[in-house]
């Protein structure tokens, strides 16, 4: 089972994560997953390019499956942060889905590099962090570095789709304030502060609670069917 939020919450066994996520993604048929997509967004979803940056091959495969299920056709993946930075330069993706803990170039270094308009060619690319770390400090760090959204593994197809829509259909303007360069805070204020990060953290907790409820309901349905 996943580590609890608010603690040192990292999946110790990546195979356990991918097995759990695979069961959730495969429980959705192609038709039911695509039903998440409003008609007016179907063409947009088919046209976008998404880059997955994660050092776990099986995790990349699961996320690919989820994205394909909702209609994304152009999906790229790389297995480390350095390759991810190069891929942004060559692919120019519409969205990056980023793991946080990786060797060589980790998630924090990756976001910091991308959100450097003086040195990086595509500093405005939306970044969705997808990680096994649910500590508040990690969420705060990601937001203050310029990540757009934050999701906790294991993630449902719906939660992933909702965050994609948030960065594509309802994008926040990119702002620069002091050392901060990234999406404008959702709350009033010139920069991402503790209140803003707490708001993101609260959303993540709610998504995780909903995932757990959905999984509990699925288990109950399976028992009834047996």
Protein backbone atom coordinates (compact mmCIF):
# COMPACT_ATOMS: atom_id res chain seq x y z
CA UNK A 1 0.00 0.00 0.00
CA UNK A 2 1.18 3.56 -0.58
CA UNK A 3 3.05 5.45 2.07
CA UNK A 4 0.98 7.95 4.01
CA UNK A 5 0.87 11.59 3.13
CA UNK A 6 2.77 13.96 5.36
CA UNK A 7 5.45 11.41 6.22
CA UNK A 8 8.62 10.26 4.50
CA UNK A 9 6.43 8.84 1.77
CA UNK A 10 8.33 7.23 -1.03
CA UNK A 11 7.50 3.94 -2.71
CA UNK A 12 10.24 1.58 -1.62
CA UNK A 13 9.40 -1.02 -4.25
CA UNK A 14 8.78 0.38 -7.72
CA UNK A 15 7.31 -2.93 -8.91
CA UNK A 16 4.62 -2.59 -6.23
CA UNK A 17 3.76 0.87 -7.51
CA UNK A 18 3.55 -0.18 -11.12
CA UNK A 19 1.48 -3.27 -10.35
CA UNK A 20 -1.00 -1.11 -8.43
CA UNK A 21 -1.09 1.58 -11.11
CA UNK A 22 -1.40 -0.99 -13.86
CA UNK A 23 -4.43 -2.51 -12.18
CA UNK A 24 -6.02 0.94 -11.97
CA UNK A 25 -5.23 1.89 -15.56
CA UNK A 26 -6.35 -1.45 -17.00
CA UNK A 27 -9.60 -1.28 -15.03
CA UNK A 28 -10.55 1.55 -17.42
CA UNK A 29 -11.48 0.51 -20.91
CA UNK A 30 -10.43 2.70 -23.82
CA UNK A 31 -14.04 3.85 -24.14
CA UNK A 32 -14.52 4.71 -20.46
CA UNK A 33 -11.22 6.59 -20.31
CA UNK A 34 -12.03 8.61 -23.41
CA UNK A 35 -15.41 9.48 -21.88
CA UNK A 36 -13.42 11.72 -19.51
CA UNK A 37 -12.57 13.98 -22.45
CA UNK A 38 -15.18 16.63 -23.35
CA UNK A 39 -16.01 16.70 -27.05
CA UNK A 40 -14.58 20.19 -27.47
CA UNK A 41 -11.19 19.00 -26.17
CA UNK A 42 -10.85 15.75 -28.11
CA UNK A 43 -8.97 17.31 -31.02
CA UNK A 44 -6.69 19.23 -28.65
CA UNK A 45 -5.84 16.08 -26.70
CA UNK A 46 -5.06 14.17 -29.90
CA UNK A 47 -2.73 16.93 -31.08
CA UNK A 48 -0.60 17.47 -27.96
CA UNK A 49 2.90 16.14 -27.38
CA UNK A 50 3.72 14.83 -23.92
CA UNK A 51 7.14 13.98 -22.52
CA UNK A 52 7.44 11.56 -19.58
CA UNK A 53 10.65 11.82 -17.54
CA UNK A 54 11.02 8.93 -15.10
CA UNK A 55 13.86 6.55 -14.35
CA UNK A 56 11.45 3.62 -13.89
CA UNK A 57 10.63 1.90 -17.20
CA UNK A 58 7.47 0.26 -15.87
CA UNK A 59 6.18 3.56 -14.53
CA UNK A 60 6.74 5.20 -17.89
CA UNK A 61 4.84 2.36 -19.52
CA UNK A 62 1.87 2.76 -17.15
CA UNK A 63 1.67 6.51 -17.70
CA UNK A 64 1.87 5.94 -21.45
CA UNK A 65 -1.09 3.55 -21.17
CA UNK A 66 -3.13 6.14 -19.28
CA UNK A 67 -2.34 8.89 -21.76
CA UNK A 68 -3.12 6.66 -24.74
CA UNK A 69 -6.43 5.72 -23.14
CA UNK A 70 -7.59 9.34 -23.08
CA UNK A 71 -6.57 9.88 -26.69
CA UNK A 72 -3.03 11.32 -26.57
CA UNK A 73 -1.23 10.14 -29.70
CA UNK A 74 2.24 11.65 -29.44
CA UNK A 75 3.98 10.43 -26.28
CA UNK A 76 7.71 10.44 -25.62
CA UNK A 77 9.59 9.12 -22.61
CA UNK A 78 13.14 9.25 -21.28
CA UNK A 79 14.77 7.58 -18.32
CA UNK A 80 16.68 10.43 -16.68
CA UNK A 81 16.59 14.16 -16.13
CA UNK A 82 19.51 15.01 -18.42
CA UNK A 83 17.87 13.19 -21.32
CA UNK A 84 14.62 14.95 -20.43
CA UNK A 85 16.21 18.38 -20.73
CA UNK A 86 17.62 17.47 -24.13
CA UNK A 87 14.26 16.03 -25.22
CA UNK A 88 12.51 19.32 -24.44
CA UNK A 89 14.96 21.08 -26.76
CA UNK A 90 14.36 18.64 -29.63
CA UNK A 91 10.72 17.58 -29.18
CA UNK A 92 9.30 20.84 -27.75
CA UNK A 93 6.52 19.05 -25.83
CA UNK A 94 3.28 20.69 -24.74
CA UNK A 95 3.53 19.11 -21.27
CA UNK A 96 6.24 17.37 -19.24
CA UNK A 97 5.29 14.71 -16.67
CA UNK A 98 8.20 14.56 -14.24
CA UNK A 99 9.34 12.14 -11.57
CA UNK A 100 10.99 13.85 -8.59
CA UNK A 101 13.67 11.46 -7.40
CA UNK A 102 16.02 10.38 -10.18
CA UNK A 103 19.77 9.83 -10.40
CA UNK A 104 22.11 12.45 -11.86
CA UNK A 105 19.54 15.22 -12.48
CA UNK A 106 16.64 15.01 -10.03
CA UNK A 107 13.25 16.69 -10.29
CA UNK A 108 14.26 19.83 -8.41
CA UNK A 109 17.35 20.35 -10.60
CA UNK A 110 15.28 19.65 -13.69
CA UNK A 111 12.63 22.28 -12.87
CA UNK A 112 15.28 24.80 -11.83
CA UNK A 113 17.07 24.34 -15.16
CA UNK A 114 13.92 24.61 -17.27
CA UNK A 115 12.67 27.69 -15.43
CA UNK A 116 15.80 29.65 -16.34
CA UNK A 117 14.76 31.86 -19.28
CA UNK A 118 18.25 33.30 -19.65
CA UNK A 119 19.79 29.91 -20.44
CA UNK A 120 17.00 27.45 -21.35
CA UNK A 121 15.16 27.81 -24.69
CA UNK A 122 11.69 26.65 -23.57
CA UNK A 123 11.29 27.86 -19.97
CA UNK A 124 7.49 28.08 -20.08
CA UNK A 125 6.74 24.41 -20.79
CA UNK A 126 4.11 23.14 -18.29
CA UNK A 127 5.51 20.66 -15.77
CA UNK A 128 3.35 18.16 -13.87
CA UNK A 129 5.26 16.45 -11.07
CA UNK A 130 4.24 12.81 -10.59
CA UNK A 131 6.06 11.29 -7.65
CA UNK A 132 5.93 8.91 -4.71
CA UNK A 133 6.93 11.74 -2.36
CA UNK A 134 3.99 13.18 -0.46
CA UNK A 135 5.89 15.21 2.10
CA UNK A 136 4.69 18.79 2.45
CA UNK A 137 8.26 20.04 2.12
CA UNK A 138 8.60 18.36 -1.27
CA UNK A 139 5.36 19.93 -2.52
CA UNK A 140 6.48 23.35 -1.30
CA UNK A 141 9.86 22.95 -3.01
CA UNK A 142 8.32 21.92 -6.33
CA UNK A 143 5.85 24.80 -6.33
CA UNK A 144 8.46 27.38 -5.39
CA UNK A 145 10.74 26.17 -8.19
CA UNK A 146 7.96 26.61 -10.76
CA UNK A 147 6.13 23.29 -11.21
CA UNK A 148 2.56 23.72 -12.48
CA UNK A 149 0.91 20.74 -10.80
CA UNK A 150 1.77 18.00 -8.32
CA UNK A 151 0.40 14.45 -8.26
CA UNK A 152 1.17 11.52 -6.00
CA UNK A 153 1.75 7.97 -7.19
CA UNK A 154 -0.29 5.87 -7.66
CA UNK A 155 -2.42 8.19 -9.78
CA UNK A 156 -5.75 7.57 -11.47
CA UNK A 157 -6.36 8.31 -15.12
CA UNK A 158 -8.96 10.89 -14.11
CA UNK A 159 -6.58 12.74 -11.78
CA UNK A 160 -3.90 12.82 -14.48
CA UNK A 161 -6.42 14.03 -17.06
CA UNK A 162 -7.68 16.76 -14.71
CA UNK A 163 -4.15 18.12 -14.29
CA UNK A 164 -3.56 18.02 -18.05
CA UNK A 165 -6.71 20.08 -18.58
CA UNK A 166 -5.58 22.49 -15.87
CA UNK A 167 -2.33 23.28 -17.70
CA UNK A 168 -3.70 23.14 -21.26
CA UNK A 169 -7.22 24.57 -21.15
CA UNK A 170 -6.83 26.84 -18.13
CA UNK A 171 -3.17 27.86 -18.19
CA UNK A 172 -1.90 30.35 -15.64
CA UNK A 173 0.32 33.08 -17.07
CA UNK A 174 4.06 32.78 -16.57
CA UNK A 175 5.43 35.45 -14.26
CA UNK A 176 8.85 36.53 -13.08
CA UNK A 177 9.26 37.96 -9.61
CA UNK A 178 12.72 38.15 -8.11
CA UNK A 179 14.25 34.70 -8.39
CA UNK A 180 10.92 33.06 -9.18
CA UNK A 181 9.99 32.27 -12.77
CA UNK A 182 6.95 30.09 -13.35
CA UNK A 183 3.16 29.91 -13.38
CA UNK A 184 1.38 32.72 -11.56
CA UNK A 185 0.14 31.75 -8.08
CA UNK A 186 -3.48 30.65 -7.90
CA UNK A 187 -3.98 32.91 -4.93
CA UNK A 188 -3.36 36.62 -4.86
CA UNK A 189 0.25 37.59 -4.34
CA UNK A 190 3.37 38.20 -6.40
CA UNK A 191 5.00 34.81 -5.84
CA UNK A 192 4.44 31.24 -4.72
CA UNK A 193 4.41 31.39 -0.94
CA UNK A 194 3.62 28.97 1.85
CA UNK A 195 -0.13 29.59 1.46
CA UNK A 196 0.00 28.76 -2.24
CA UNK A 197 1.98 25.58 -1.62
CA UNK A 198 -0.40 24.57 1.16
CA UNK A 199 -3.29 24.95 -1.27
CA UNK A 200 -1.61 22.59 -3.74
CA UNK A 201 -0.83 20.17 -0.93
CA UNK A 202 -4.49 20.17 0.18
CA UNK A 203 -5.55 19.37 -3.39
CA UNK A 204 -3.07 16.50 -3.53
CA UNK A 205 -4.39 15.09 -0.25
CA UNK A 206 -7.94 15.24 -1.60
CA UNK A 207 -6.95 13.48 -4.83
CA UNK A 208 -5.20 10.76 -2.84
CA UNK A 209 -8.26 10.34 -0.59
CA UNK A 210 -10.48 10.01 -3.65
CA UNK A 211 -8.12 7.45 -5.19
CA UNK A 212 -8.24 5.40 -2.00
CA UNK A 213 -12.04 5.61 -1.90
CA UNK A 214 -12.30 4.57 -5.55
CA UNK A 215 -9.98 1.63 -4.95
CA UNK A 216 -11.92 0.56 -1.85
CA UNK A 217 -15.16 0.67 -3.87
CA UNK A 218 -13.58 -1.38 -6.65
CA UNK A 219 -12.42 -3.99 -4.13
CA UNK A 220 -15.93 -4.11 -2.65
CA UNK A 221 -17.43 -4.57 -6.12
CA UNK A 222 -14.97 -7.36 -6.83
CA UNK A 223 -15.99 -9.13 -3.61
CA UNK A 224 -19.67 -8.83 -4.53
CA UNK A 225 -18.99 -10.23 -8.01
CA UNK A 226 -17.13 -13.20 -6.49
